[in-house]
Amino acid sequence: LRRVLWRADRLPAPVCAVPRSPLAPADGWCDDPAHEDYNRAVQLPHPGRHEALWRQDAVYDVIGVLGWNDAPVVPGRGSAIFLHLLRPDRRPTEGCIALERDDLLAVLAAGLTAIDVPAV
C-alpha cells in the first residue's frame, strides 16, 4: 500500500499508517499503455486515456494506491489497481479490491501497509 487518497469534502482524513493526500477535482490516473504516464497519477485534462479520481459517486471517496505494476511500470500489465469503496450495486471491480466504507476505514486504521498479490 503506497498511499491513501480521499475526498476531504466528503469525509475526514482516514487514519492510516501510510502517507495520505486529499483528492482534488483535477486528479486523475493514466491508464493509456501507449502514454509515458501509464499507471501514474496525472492532472486533468490529460492527453492520454485516463480515469478521473474525483467522481460523482462515492466509489473513490477513499483510495488505497496498491503499488501494482509500479516498480517498474510495464505497459499493458495493469493500471489504476486500487483499494476503494464498494459500488452501491456491489458490481465487481475491474481488478481492484472494493470494501464497504466502514470496513475499508477499519483496515486502514488497523495499520494496513501491504497486500500480498500473487505473481501472474
PDB file of N, CA and C in Angstrom:
ATOM      1  N   LEU A   1       0.867  -1.180   0.000  1.00  0.00           N
ATOM      2  CA  LEU A   1       0.000   0.000   0.000  1.00  0.00           C
ATOM      3  C   LEU A   1       0.902   1.227   0.000  1.00  0.00           C
ATOM      4  N   ARG A   2       0.859   1.978  -1.091  1.00  0.00           N
ATOM      5  CA  ARG A   2       1.768   3.122  -1.239  1.00  0.00           C
ATOM      6  C   ARG A   2       1.290   4.373  -0.498  1.00  0.00           C
ATOM      7  N   ARG A   3       0.000   4.673  -0.659  1.00  0.00           N
ATOM      8  CA  ARG A   3      -0.562   5.873  -0.033  1.00  0.00           C
ATOM      9  C   ARG A   3      -2.074   5.795  -0.103  1.00  0.00           C
ATOM     10  N   VAL A   4      -2.721   6.709   0.618  1.00  0.00           N
ATOM     11  CA  VAL A   4      -4.181   6.778   0.644  1.00  0.00           C
ATOM     12  C   VAL A   4      -4.602   8.162   0.167  1.00  0.00           C
ATOM     13  N   LEU A   5      -5.573   8.183  -0.733  1.00  0.00           N
ATOM     14  CA  LEU A   5      -6.183   9.421  -1.230  1.00  0.00           C
ATOM     15  C   LEU A   5      -7.618   9.445  -0.742  1.00  0.00           C
ATOM     16  N   TRP A   6      -8.151  10.633  -0.464  1.00  0.00           N
ATOM     17  CA  TRP A   6      -9.542  10.694  -0.016  1.00  0.00           C
ATOM     18  C   TRP A   6     -10.183  12.017  -0.389  1.00  0.00           C
ATOM     19  N   ARG A   7     -11.518  12.000  -0.433  1.00  0.00           N
ATOM     20  CA  ARG A   7     -12.323  13.191  -0.713  1.00  0.00           C
ATOM     21  C   ARG A   7     -12.532  13.955   0.588  1.00  0.00           C
ATOM     22  N   ALA A   8     -11.726  14.977   0.821  1.00  0.00           N
ATOM     23  CA  ALA A   8     -11.804  15.759   2.054  1.00  0.00           C
ATOM     24  C   ALA A   8     -13.103  16.548   2.158  1.00  0.00           C
ATOM     25  N   ASP A   9     -13.799  16.742   1.032  1.00  0.00           N
ATOM     26  CA  ASP A   9     -15.081  17.439   1.076  1.00  0.00           C
ATOM     27  C   ASP A   9     -16.206  16.512   1.535  1.00  0.00           C
ATOM     28  N   ARG A  10     -15.932  15.210   1.610  1.00  0.00           N
ATOM     29  CA  ARG A  10     -16.962  14.239   1.985  1.00  0.00           C
ATOM     30  C   ARG A  10     -16.692  13.518   3.299  1.00  0.00           C
ATOM     31  N   LEU A  11     -15.440  13.410   3.708  1.00  0.00           N
ATOM     32  CA  LEU A  11     -15.144  12.724   4.967  1.00  0.00           C
ATOM     33  C   LEU A  11     -13.810  13.194   5.525  1.00  0.00           C
ATOM     34  N   PRO A  12     -13.613  12.999   6.837  1.00  0.00           N
ATOM     35  CA  PRO A  12     -12.340  13.392   7.441  1.00  0.00           C
ATOM     36  C   PRO A  12     -11.198  12.508   6.935  1.00  0.00           C
ATOM     37  N   ALA A  13      -9.989  12.971   7.152  1.00  0.00           N
ATOM     38  CA  ALA A  13      -8.820  12.198   6.731  1.00  0.00           C
ATOM     39  C   ALA A  13      -8.839  10.824   7.384  1.00  0.00           C
ATOM     40  N   PRO A  14      -8.671   9.771   6.597  1.00  0.00           N
ATOM     41  CA  PRO A  14      -8.644   8.429   7.178  1.00  0.00           C
ATOM     42  C   PRO A  14      -7.408   8.240   8.061  1.00  0.00           C
ATOM     43  N   VAL A  15      -7.578   7.518   9.140  1.00  0.00           N
ATOM     44  CA  VAL A  15      -6.446   7.133   9.977  1.00  0.00           C
ATOM     45  C   VAL A  15      -5.750   5.993   9.246  1.00  0.00           C
ATOM     46  N   CYS A  16      -4.441   6.122   9.031  1.00  0.00           N
ATOM     47  CA  CYS A  16      -3.722   5.067   8.319  1.00  0.00           C
ATOM     48  C   CYS A  16      -2.233   5.157   8.626  1.00  0.00           C
ATOM     49  N   ALA A  17      -1.516   4.098   8.284  1.00  0.00           N
ATOM     50  CA  ALA A  17      -0.088   4.002   8.569  1.00  0.00           C
ATOM     51  C   ALA A  17       0.783   4.384   7.374  1.00  0.00           C
ATOM     52  N   VAL A  18       0.168   4.816   6.290  1.00  0.00           N
ATOM     53  CA  VAL A  18       0.906   5.203   5.084  1.00  0.00           C
ATOM     54  C   VAL A  18       0.616   6.675   4.786  1.00  0.00           C
ATOM     55  N   PRO A  19       1.411   7.310   3.935  1.00  0.00           N
ATOM     56  CA  PRO A  19       1.123   8.710   3.594  1.00  0.00           C
ATOM     57  C   PRO A  19      -0.281   8.861   3.012  1.00  0.00           C
ATOM     58  N   ARG A  20      -0.873  10.012   3.231  1.00  0.00           N
ATOM     59  CA  ARG A  20      -2.217  10.276   2.705  1.00  0.00           C
ATOM     60  C   ARG A  20      -2.256  11.682   2.122  1.00  0.00           C
ATOM     61  N   SER A  21      -3.127  11.837   1.127  1.00  0.00           N
ATOM     62  CA  SER A  21      -3.282  13.121   0.446  1.00  0.00           C
ATOM     63  C   SER A  21      -4.739  13.307   0.072  1.00  0.00           C
ATOM     64  N   PRO A  22      -5.274  14.525   0.243  1.00  0.00           N
ATOM     65  CA  PRO A  22      -6.643  14.768  -0.207  1.00  0.00           C
ATOM     66  C   PRO A  22      -6.701  14.833  -1.728  1.00  0.00           C
ATOM     67  N   LEU A  23      -7.800  14.337  -2.277  1.00  0.00           N
ATOM     68  CA  LEU A  23      -8.033  14.426  -3.718  1.00  0.00           C
ATOM     69  C   LEU A  23      -8.480  15.831  -4.090  1.00  0.00           C
ATOM     70  N   ALA A  24      -8.232  16.198  -5.338  1.00  0.00           N
ATOM     71  CA  ALA A  24      -8.686  17.469  -5.895  1.00  0.00           C
ATOM     72  C   ALA A  24      -9.429  17.173  -7.199  1.00  0.00           C
ATOM     73  N   PRO A  25     -10.286  18.088  -7.638  1.00  0.00           N
ATOM     74  CA  PRO A  25     -11.075  17.838  -8.848  1.00  0.00           C
ATOM     75  C   PRO A  25     -10.257  17.517 -10.098  1.00  0.00           C
ATOM     76  N   ALA A  26      -9.025  17.973 -10.181  1.00  0.00           N
ATOM     77  CA  ALA A  26      -8.212  17.724 -11.376  1.00  0.00           C
ATOM     78  C   ALA A  26      -7.366  16.453 -11.281  1.00  0.00           C
ATOM     79  N   ASP A  27      -7.545  15.650 -10.240  1.00  0.00           N
ATOM     80  CA  ASP A  27      -6.746  14.430 -10.093  1.00  0.00           C
ATOM     81  C   ASP A  27      -7.265  13.317 -10.993  1.00  0.00           C
ATOM     82  N   GLY A  28      -6.337  12.635 -11.633  1.00  0.00           N
ATOM     83  CA  GLY A  28      -6.676  11.505 -12.487  1.00  0.00           C
ATOM     84  C   GLY A  28      -5.591  10.453 -12.425  1.00  0.00           C
ATOM     85  N   TRP A  29      -5.784   9.375 -13.180  1.00  0.00           N
ATOM     86  CA  TRP A  29      -4.810   8.281 -13.246  1.00  0.00           C
ATOM     87  C   TRP A  29      -4.735   7.826 -14.697  1.00  0.00           C
ATOM     88  N   CYS A  30      -3.542   7.832 -15.273  1.00  0.00           N
ATOM     89  CA  CYS A  30      -3.368   7.461 -16.678  1.00  0.00           C
ATOM     90  C   CYS A  30      -3.457   5.945 -16.837  1.00  0.00           C
ATOM     91  N   ASP A  31      -4.359   5.493 -17.717  1.00  0.00           N
ATOM     92  CA  ASP A  31      -4.485   4.057 -17.997  1.00  0.00           C
ATOM     93  C   ASP A  31      -4.221   3.761 -19.478  1.00  0.00           C
ATOM     94  N   ASP A  32      -3.461   4.637 -20.118  1.00  0.00           N
ATOM     95  CA  ASP A  32      -3.132   4.515 -21.536  1.00  0.00           C
ATOM     96  C   ASP A  32      -1.744   3.885 -21.677  1.00  0.00           C
ATOM     97  N   PRO A  33      -1.674   2.583 -22.046  1.00  0.00           N
ATOM     98  CA  PRO A  33      -0.371   1.925 -22.106  1.00  0.00           C
ATOM     99  C   PRO A  33       0.584   2.522 -23.137  1.00  0.00           C
ATOM    100  N   ALA A  34       0.069   3.316 -24.066  1.00  0.00           N
ATOM    101  CA  ALA A  34       0.924   3.955 -25.066  1.00  0.00           C
ATOM    102  C   ALA A  34       1.472   5.301 -24.587  1.00  0.00           C
ATOM    103  N   HIS A  35       1.045   5.759 -23.408  1.00  0.00           N
ATOM    104  CA  HIS A  35       1.473   7.066 -22.909  1.00  0.00           C
ATOM    105  C   HIS A  35       2.562   6.900 -21.854  1.00  0.00           C
ATOM    106  N   GLU A  36       3.497   7.853 -21.811  1.00  0.00           N
ATOM    107  CA  GLU A  36       4.602   7.782 -20.847  1.00  0.00           C
ATOM    108  C   GLU A  36       4.134   7.868 -19.391  1.00  0.00           C
ATOM    109  N   ASP A  37       2.940   8.364 -19.138  1.00  0.00           N
ATOM    110  CA  ASP A  37       2.410   8.470 -17.772  1.00  0.00           C
ATOM    111  C   ASP A  37       1.599   7.251 -17.348  1.00  0.00           C
ATOM    112  N   TYR A  38       1.628   6.184 -18.147  1.00  0.00           N
ATOM    113  CA  TYR A  38       0.840   4.985 -17.845  1.00  0.00           C
ATOM    114  C   TYR A  38       1.025   4.542 -16.396  1.00  0.00           C
ATOM    115  N   ASN A  39      -0.094   4.268 -15.753  1.00  0.00           N
ATOM    116  CA  ASN A  39      -0.165   3.806 -14.364  1.00  0.00           C
ATOM    117  C   ASN A  39       0.463   4.788 -13.380  1.00  0.00           C
ATOM    118  N   ARG A  40       0.217   6.062 -13.637  1.00  0.00           N
ATOM    119  CA  ARG A  40       0.694   7.114 -12.738  1.00  0.00           C
ATOM    120  C   ARG A  40      -0.426   8.136 -12.523  1.00  0.00           C
ATOM    121  N   ALA A  41      -0.336   8.794 -11.373  1.00  0.00           N
ATOM    122  CA  ALA A  41      -1.252   9.898 -11.095  1.00  0.00           C
ATOM    123  C   ALA A  41      -0.964  11.023 -12.082  1.00  0.00           C
ATOM    124  N   VAL A  42      -2.023  11.666 -12.570  1.00  0.00           N
ATOM    125  CA  VAL A  42      -1.893  12.775 -13.513  1.00  0.00           C
ATOM    126  C   VAL A  42      -2.874  13.878 -13.129  1.00  0.00           C
ATOM    127  N   GLN A  43      -2.656  15.032 -13.709  1.00  0.00           N
ATOM    128  CA  GLN A  43      -3.571  16.150 -13.547  1.00  0.00           C
ATOM    129  C   GLN A  43      -4.405  16.276 -14.815  1.00  0.00           C
ATOM    130  N   LEU A  44      -5.690  16.518 -14.645  1.00  0.00           N
ATOM    131  CA  LEU A  44      -6.616  16.650 -15.765  1.00  0.00           C
ATOM    132  C   LEU A  44      -6.777  18.118 -16.132  1.00  0.00           C
ATOM    133  N   PRO A  45      -6.964  18.424 -17.405  1.00  0.00           N
ATOM    134  CA  PRO A  45      -7.044  17.488 -18.524  1.00  0.00           C
ATOM    135  C   PRO A  45      -5.681  16.863 -18.806  1.00  0.00           C
ATOM    136  N   HIS A  46      -5.722  15.663 -19.368  1.00  0.00           N
ATOM    137  CA  HIS A  46      -4.505  14.913 -19.686  1.00  0.00           C
ATOM    138  C   HIS A  46      -4.657  14.345 -21.095  1.00  0.00           C
ATOM    139  N   PRO A  47      -3.592  14.392 -21.903  1.00  0.00           N
ATOM    140  CA  PRO A  47      -3.724  13.944 -23.294  1.00  0.00           C
ATOM    141  C   PRO A  47      -3.915  12.436 -23.467  1.00  0.00           C
ATOM    142  N   GLY A  48      -3.419  11.639 -22.529  1.00  0.00           N
ATOM    143  CA  GLY A  48      -3.579  10.192 -22.641  1.00  0.00           C
ATOM    144  C   GLY A  48      -4.909   9.737 -22.060  1.00  0.00           C
ATOM    145  N   ARG A  49      -5.302   8.509 -22.399  1.00  0.00           N
ATOM    146  CA  ARG A  49      -6.520   7.949 -21.800  1.00  0.00           C
ATOM    147  C   ARG A  49      -6.303   7.887 -20.290  1.00  0.00           C
ATOM    148  N   HIS A  50      -7.347   8.220 -19.559  1.00  0.00           N
ATOM    149  CA  HIS A  50      -7.198   8.329 -18.111  1.00  0.00           C
ATOM    150  C   HIS A  50      -8.527   8.092 -17.409  1.00  0.00           C
ATOM    151  N   GLU A  51      -8.428   7.955 -16.117  1.00  0.00           N
ATOM    152  CA  GLU A  51      -9.599   7.816 -15.261  1.00  0.00           C
ATOM    153  C   GLU A  51      -9.622   9.009 -14.311  1.00  0.00           C
ATOM    154  N   ALA A  52     -10.775   9.654 -14.166  1.00  0.00           N
ATOM    155  CA  ALA A  52     -10.920  10.745 -13.204  1.00  0.00           C
ATOM    156  C   ALA A  52     -11.067  10.147 -11.807  1.00  0.00           C
ATOM    157  N   LEU A  53     -10.301  10.657 -10.845  1.00  0.00           N
ATOM    158  CA  LEU A  53     -10.400  10.162  -9.474  1.00  0.00           C
ATOM    159  C   LEU A  53     -11.458  10.914  -8.669  1.00  0.00           C
ATOM    160  N   TRP A  54     -11.816  12.105  -9.104  1.00  0.00           N
ATOM    161  CA  TRP A  54     -12.858  12.912  -8.450  1.00  0.00           C
ATOM    162  C   TRP A  54     -14.167  12.546  -9.131  1.00  0.00           C
ATOM    163  N   ARG A  55     -14.956  11.689  -8.483  1.00  0.00           N
ATOM    164  CA  ARG A  55     -16.166  11.148  -9.099  1.00  0.00           C
ATOM    165  C   ARG A  55     -17.410  11.629  -8.382  1.00  0.00           C
ATOM    166  N   GLN A  56     -18.531  11.597  -9.106  1.00  0.00           N
ATOM    167  CA  GLN A  56     -19.814  11.962  -8.505  1.00  0.00           C
ATOM    168  C   GLN A  56     -20.280  10.911  -7.507  1.00  0.00           C
ATOM    169  N   ASP A  57     -20.029   9.635  -7.828  1.00  0.00           N
ATOM    170  CA  ASP A  57     -20.405   8.589  -6.873  1.00  0.00           C
ATOM    171  C   ASP A  57     -19.348   8.531  -5.765  1.00  0.00           C
ATOM    172  N   ALA A  58     -19.525   7.648  -4.817  1.00  0.00           N
ATOM    173  CA  ALA A  58     -18.630   7.582  -3.659  1.00  0.00           C
ATOM    174  C   ALA A  58     -17.521   6.545  -3.799  1.00  0.00           C
ATOM    175  N   VAL A  59     -17.443   5.865  -4.926  1.00  0.00           N
ATOM    176  CA  VAL A  59     -16.504   4.749  -5.078  1.00  0.00           C
ATOM    177  C   VAL A  59     -15.060   5.154  -4.766  1.00  0.00           C
ATOM    178  N   TYR A  60     -14.661   6.352  -5.165  1.00  0.00           N
ATOM    179  CA  TYR A  60     -13.297   6.811  -4.913  1.00  0.00           C
ATOM    180  C   TYR A  60     -13.221   7.842  -3.783  1.00  0.00           C
ATOM    181  N   ASP A  61     -14.160   7.821  -2.865  1.00  0.00           N
ATOM    182  CA  ASP A  61     -14.053   8.721  -1.709  1.00  0.00           C
ATOM    183  C   ASP A  61     -12.838   8.375  -0.854  1.00  0.00           C
ATOM    184  N   VAL A  62     -12.433   7.109  -0.863  1.00  0.00           N
ATOM    185  CA  VAL A  62     -11.188   6.655  -0.227  1.00  0.00           C
ATOM    186  C   VAL A  62     -10.515   5.706  -1.216  1.00  0.00           C
ATOM    187  N   ILE A  63      -9.251   5.967  -1.511  1.00  0.00           N
ATOM    188  CA  ILE A  63      -8.491   5.133  -2.446  1.00  0.00           C
ATOM    189  C   ILE A  63      -7.177   4.740  -1.794  1.00  0.00           C
ATOM    190  N   GLY A  64      -6.921   3.455  -1.743  1.00  0.00           N
ATOM    191  CA  GLY A  64      -5.596   2.973  -1.367  1.00  0.00           C
ATOM    192  C   GLY A  64      -4.839   2.652  -2.643  1.00  0.00           C
ATOM    193  N   VAL A  65      -3.735   3.338  -2.879  1.00  0.00           N
ATOM    194  CA  VAL A  65      -2.919   3.090  -4.067  1.00  0.00           C
ATOM    195  C   VAL A  65      -2.052   1.870  -3.757  1.00  0.00           C
ATOM    196  N   LEU A  66      -2.334   0.758  -4.427  1.00  0.00           N
ATOM    197  CA  LEU A  66      -1.741  -0.525  -4.055  1.00  0.00           C
ATOM    198  C   LEU A  66      -0.310  -0.747  -4.537  1.00  0.00           C
ATOM    199  N   GLY A  67       0.141  -0.001  -5.489  1.00  0.00           N
ATOM    200  CA  GLY A  67       1.503  -0.212  -5.967  1.00  0.00           C
ATOM    201  C   GLY A  67       1.620  -1.337  -6.972  1.00  0.00           C
ATOM    202  N   TRP A  68       0.507  -1.729  -7.578  1.00  0.00           N
ATOM    203  CA  TRP A  68       0.540  -2.761  -8.610  1.00  0.00           C
ATOM    204  C   TRP A  68       1.191  -2.190  -9.867  1.00  0.00           C
ATOM    205  N   ASN A  69       2.146  -2.905 -10.414  1.00  0.00           N
ATOM    206  CA  ASN A  69       2.800  -2.543 -11.670  1.00  0.00           C
ATOM    207  C   ASN A  69       3.416  -1.143 -11.623  1.00  0.00           C
ATOM    208  N   ASP A  70       4.128  -0.847 -10.528  1.00  0.00           N
ATOM    209  CA  ASP A  70       4.732   0.484 -10.456  1.00  0.00           C
ATOM    210  C   ASP A  70       6.246   0.463 -10.241  1.00  0.00           C
ATOM    211  N   ALA A  71       6.861  -0.708 -10.133  1.00  0.00           N
ATOM    212  CA  ALA A  71       8.298  -0.752  -9.871  1.00  0.00           C
ATOM    213  C   ALA A  71       8.941  -1.925 -10.601  1.00  0.00           C
ATOM    214  N   PRO A  72       9.166  -1.851 -11.884  1.00  0.00           N
ATOM    215  CA  PRO A  72       8.870  -0.737 -12.787  1.00  0.00           C
ATOM    216  C   PRO A  72       7.477  -0.867 -13.401  1.00  0.00           C
ATOM    217  N   VAL A  73       7.033   0.213 -14.014  1.00  0.00           N
ATOM    218  CA  VAL A  73       5.770   0.192 -14.756  1.00  0.00           C
ATOM    219  C   VAL A  73       6.000  -0.567 -16.063  1.00  0.00           C
ATOM    220  N   VAL A  74       5.128  -1.533 -16.335  1.00  0.00           N
ATOM    221  CA  VAL A  74       5.188  -2.302 -17.580  1.00  0.00           C
ATOM    222  C   VAL A  74       3.902  -2.013 -18.356  1.00  0.00           C
ATOM    223  N   PRO A  75       3.993  -1.331 -19.502  1.00  0.00           N
ATOM    224  CA  PRO A  75       2.783  -1.009 -20.264  1.00  0.00           C
ATOM    225  C   PRO A  75       1.944  -2.257 -20.550  1.00  0.00           C
ATOM    226  N   GLY A  76       0.654  -2.145 -20.272  1.00  0.00           N
ATOM    227  CA  GLY A  76      -0.283  -3.226 -20.526  1.00  0.00           C
ATOM    228  C   GLY A  76      -0.419  -4.238 -19.395  1.00  0.00           C
ATOM    229  N   ARG A  77       0.391  -4.129 -18.342  1.00  0.00           N
ATOM    230  CA  ARG A  77       0.330  -5.107 -17.244  1.00  0.00           C
ATOM    231  C   ARG A  77      -0.758  -4.773 -16.227  1.00  0.00           C
ATOM    232  N   GLY A  78      -1.333  -3.613 -16.314  1.00  0.00           N
ATOM    233  CA  GLY A  78      -2.405  -3.222 -15.398  1.00  0.00           C
ATOM    234  C   GLY A  78      -2.150  -1.851 -14.816  1.00  0.00           C
ATOM    235  N   SER A  79      -3.224  -1.090 -14.688  1.00  0.00           N
ATOM    236  CA  SER A  79      -3.096   0.264 -14.146  1.00  0.00           C
ATOM    237  C   SER A  79      -4.313   0.591 -13.296  1.00  0.00           C
ATOM    238  N   ALA A  80      -4.135   1.577 -12.428  1.00  0.00           N
ATOM    239  CA  ALA A  80      -5.226   2.050 -11.563  1.00  0.00           C
ATOM    240  C   ALA A  80      -5.820   0.898 -10.752  1.00  0.00           C
ATOM    241  N   ILE A  81      -4.954   0.052 -10.208  1.00  0.00           N
ATOM    242  CA  ILE A  81      -5.405  -1.048  -9.357  1.00  0.00           C
ATOM    243  C   ILE A  81      -5.388  -0.523  -7.926  1.00  0.00           C
ATOM    244  N   PHE A  82      -6.581  -0.300  -7.394  1.00  0.00           N
ATOM    245  CA  PHE A  82      -6.742   0.377  -6.112  1.00  0.00           C
ATOM    246  C   PHE A  82      -7.518  -0.471  -5.111  1.00  0.00           C
ATOM    247  N   LEU A  83      -7.412  -0.077  -3.863  1.00  0.00           N
ATOM    248  CA  LEU A  83      -8.309  -0.495  -2.793  1.00  0.00           C
ATOM    249  C   LEU A  83      -9.291   0.665  -2.667  1.00  0.00           C
ATOM    250  N   HIS A  84     -10.580   0.426  -2.890  1.00  0.00           N
ATOM    251  CA  HIS A  84     -11.537   1.533  -2.872  1.00  0.00           C
ATOM    252  C   HIS A  84     -12.887   1.070  -2.336  1.00  0.00           C
ATOM    253  N   LEU A  85     -13.849   1.962  -2.348  1.00  0.00           N
ATOM    254  CA  LEU A  85     -15.172   1.656  -1.799  1.00  0.00           C
ATOM    255  C   LEU A  85     -16.002   0.831  -2.774  1.00  0.00           C
ATOM    256  N   LEU A  86     -16.819  -0.020  -2.202  1.00  0.00           N
ATOM    257  CA  LEU A  86     -17.711  -0.891  -2.960  1.00  0.00           C
ATOM    258  C   LEU A  86     -18.785  -0.065  -3.658  1.00  0.00           C
ATOM    259  N   ARG A  87     -19.128  -0.441  -4.872  1.00  0.00           N
ATOM    260  CA  ARG A  87     -20.237   0.216  -5.569  1.00  0.00           C
ATOM    261  C   ARG A  87     -21.536  -0.119  -4.848  1.00  0.00           C
ATOM    262  N   PRO A  88     -22.495   0.794  -4.869  1.00  0.00           N
ATOM    263  CA  PRO A  88     -23.776   0.515  -4.194  1.00  0.00           C
ATOM    264  C   PRO A  88     -24.460  -0.754  -4.700  1.00  0.00           C
ATOM    265  N   ASP A  89     -24.313  -1.053  -6.001  1.00  0.00           N
ATOM    266  CA  ASP A  89     -24.949  -2.259  -6.546  1.00  0.00           C
ATOM    267  C   ASP A  89     -24.059  -3.501  -6.386  1.00  0.00           C
ATOM    268  N   ARG A  90     -22.893  -3.321  -5.764  1.00  0.00           N
ATOM    269  CA  ARG A  90     -21.953  -4.403  -5.453  1.00  0.00           C
ATOM    270  C   ARG A  90     -21.389  -5.099  -6.697  1.00  0.00           C
ATOM    271  N   ARG A  91     -21.443  -4.421  -7.849  1.00  0.00           N
ATOM    272  CA  ARG A  91     -20.855  -4.999  -9.063  1.00  0.00           C
ATOM    273  C   ARG A  91     -19.355  -5.218  -8.862  1.00  0.00           C
ATOM    274  N   PRO A  92     -18.797  -6.209  -9.541  1.00  0.00           N
ATOM    275  CA  PRO A  92     -17.357  -6.467  -9.419  1.00  0.00           C
ATOM    276  C   PRO A  92     -16.526  -5.299  -9.950  1.00  0.00           C
ATOM    277  N   THR A  93     -15.284  -5.239  -9.509  1.00  0.00           N
ATOM    278  CA  THR A  93     -14.351  -4.228  -9.998  1.00  0.00           C
ATOM    279  C   THR A  93     -13.656  -4.758 -11.247  1.00  0.00           C
ATOM    280  N   GLU A  94     -12.800  -3.933 -11.815  1.00  0.00           N
ATOM    281  CA  GLU A  94     -12.001  -4.356 -12.977  1.00  0.00           C
ATOM    282  C   GLU A  94     -10.573  -4.652 -12.536  1.00  0.00           C
ATOM    283  N   GLY A  95     -10.431  -5.362 -11.427  1.00  0.00           N
ATOM    284  CA  GLY A  95      -9.114  -5.740 -10.923  1.00  0.00           C
ATOM    285  C   GLY A  95      -8.768  -5.144  -9.580  1.00  0.00           C
ATOM    286  N   CYS A  96      -9.592  -4.238  -9.087  1.00  0.00           N
ATOM    287  CA  CYS A  96      -9.352  -3.604  -7.795  1.00  0.00           C
ATOM    288  C   CYS A  96      -9.909  -4.457  -6.655  1.00  0.00           C
ATOM    289  N   ILE A  97      -9.682  -3.991  -5.436  1.00  0.00           N
ATOM    290  CA  ILE A  97     -10.273  -4.587  -4.242  1.00  0.00           C
ATOM    291  C   ILE A  97     -11.243  -3.553  -3.689  1.00  0.00           C
ATOM    292  N   ALA A  98     -12.508  -3.922  -3.524  1.00  0.00           N
ATOM    293  CA  ALA A  98     -13.531  -2.979  -3.055  1.00  0.00           C
ATOM    294  C   ALA A  98     -14.143  -3.473  -1.752  1.00  0.00           C
ATOM    295  N   LEU A  99     -14.295  -2.554  -0.806  1.00  0.00           N
ATOM    296  CA  LEU A  99     -14.872  -2.858   0.502  1.00  0.00           C
ATOM    297  C   LEU A  99     -15.934  -1.829   0.860  1.00  0.00           C
ATOM    298  N   GLU A 100     -16.811  -2.212   1.778  1.00  0.00           N
ATOM    299  CA  GLU A 100     -17.742  -1.245   2.364  1.00  0.00           C
ATOM    300  C   GLU A 100     -16.922  -0.149   3.053  1.00  0.00           C
ATOM    301  N   ARG A 101     -17.472   1.055   3.122  1.00  0.00           N
ATOM    302  CA  ARG A 101     -16.739   2.192   3.686  1.00  0.00           C
ATOM    303  C   ARG A 101     -16.219   1.920   5.093  1.00  0.00           C
ATOM    304  N   ASP A 102     -17.078   1.444   5.994  1.00  0.00           N
ATOM    305  CA  ASP A 102     -16.633   1.203   7.371  1.00  0.00           C
ATOM    306  C   ASP A 102     -15.531   0.154   7.431  1.00  0.00           C
ATOM    307  N   ASP A 103     -15.624  -0.873   6.587  1.00  0.00           N
ATOM    308  CA  ASP A 103     -14.604  -1.922   6.571  1.00  0.00           C
ATOM    309  C   ASP A 103     -13.274  -1.391   6.035  1.00  0.00           C
ATOM    310  N   LEU A 104     -13.331  -0.603   4.983  1.00  0.00           N
ATOM    311  CA  LEU A 104     -12.106  -0.039   4.420  1.00  0.00           C
ATOM    312  C   LEU A 104     -11.427   0.883   5.428  1.00  0.00           C
ATOM    313  N   LEU A 105     -12.201   1.753   6.055  1.00  0.00           N
ATOM    314  CA  LEU A 105     -11.624   2.652   7.055  1.00  0.00           C
ATOM    315  C   LEU A 105     -11.055   1.871   8.235  1.00  0.00           C
ATOM    316  N   ALA A 106     -11.703   0.773   8.612  1.00  0.00           N
ATOM    317  CA  ALA A 106     -11.225  -0.047   9.736  1.00  0.00           C
ATOM    318  C   ALA A 106      -9.891  -0.723   9.413  1.00  0.00           C
ATOM    319  N   VAL A 107      -9.743  -1.286   8.214  1.00  0.00           N
ATOM    320  CA  VAL A 107      -8.467  -1.942   7.898  1.00  0.00           C
ATOM    321  C   VAL A 107      -7.339  -0.921   7.770  1.00  0.00           C
ATOM    322  N   LEU A 108      -7.648   0.266   7.276  1.00  0.00           N
ATOM    323  CA  LEU A 108      -6.627   1.312   7.229  1.00  0.00           C
ATOM    324  C   LEU A 108      -6.234   1.735   8.639  1.00  0.00           C
ATOM    325  N   ALA A 109      -7.217   1.945   9.500  1.00  0.00           N
ATOM    326  CA  ALA A 109      -6.949   2.365  10.879  1.00  0.00           C
ATOM    327  C   ALA A 109      -6.202   1.288  11.662  1.00  0.00           C
ATOM    328  N   ALA A 110      -6.403   0.028  11.290  1.00  0.00           N
ATOM    329  CA  ALA A 110      -5.718  -1.076  11.976  1.00  0.00           C
ATOM    330  C   ALA A 110      -4.246  -1.166  11.581  1.00  0.00           C
ATOM    331  N   GLY A 111      -3.827  -0.352  10.625  1.00  0.00           N
ATOM    332  CA  GLY A 111      -2.416  -0.304  10.269  1.00  0.00           C
ATOM    333  C   GLY A 111      -2.034  -1.022   8.998  1.00  0.00           C
ATOM    334  N   LEU A 112      -2.996  -1.309   8.121  1.00  0.00           N
ATOM    335  CA  LEU A 112      -2.690  -1.981   6.859  1.00  0.00           C
ATOM    336  C   LEU A 112      -1.590  -1.221   6.118  1.00  0.00           C
ATOM    337  N   THR A 113      -0.539  -1.937   5.747  1.00  0.00           N
ATOM    338  CA  THR A 113       0.538  -1.325   4.964  1.00  0.00           C
ATOM    339  C   THR A 113       0.865  -2.117   3.713  1.00  0.00           C
ATOM    340  N   ALA A 114       0.357  -3.344   3.617  1.00  0.00           N
ATOM    341  CA  ALA A 114       0.685  -4.171   2.457  1.00  0.00           C
ATOM    342  C   ALA A 114      -0.432  -5.159   2.181  1.00  0.00           C
ATOM    343  N   ILE A 115      -0.565  -5.503   0.920  1.00  0.00           N
ATOM    344  CA  ILE A 115      -1.472  -6.562   0.481  1.00  0.00           C
ATOM    345  C   ILE A 115      -0.645  -7.450  -0.436  1.00  0.00           C
ATOM    346  N   ASP A 116      -0.531  -8.709  -0.102  1.00  0.00           N
ATOM    347  CA  ASP A 116       0.222  -9.633  -0.950  1.00  0.00           C
ATOM    348  C   ASP A 116      -0.610 -10.007  -2.164  1.00  0.00           C
ATOM    349  N   VAL A 117      -0.040  -9.775  -3.327  1.00  0.00           N
ATOM    350  CA  VAL A 117      -0.695 -10.132  -4.583  1.00  0.00           C
ATOM    351  C   VAL A 117       0.181 -11.174  -5.264  1.00  0.00           C
ATOM    352  N   PRO A 118      -0.366 -12.352  -5.560  1.00  0.00           N
ATOM    353  CA  PRO A 118       0.457 -13.375  -6.205  1.00  0.00           C
ATOM    354  C   PRO A 118       0.914 -12.938  -7.588  1.00  0.00           C
ATOM    355  N   ALA A 119       2.098 -13.340  -7.954  1.00  0.00           N
ATOM    356  CA  ALA A 119       2.625 -13.020  -9.285  1.00  0.00           C
ATOM    357  C   ALA A 119       1.823 -13.763 -10.342  1.00  0.00           C
ATOM    358  N   VAL A 120       1.557 -13.075 -11.445  1.00  0.00           N
ATOM    359  CA  VAL A 120       0.837 -13.693 -12.561  1.00  0.00           C
ATOM    360  C   VAL A 120       1.653 -13.608 -13.820  1.00  0.00           C
TER     361      VAL A 120
END
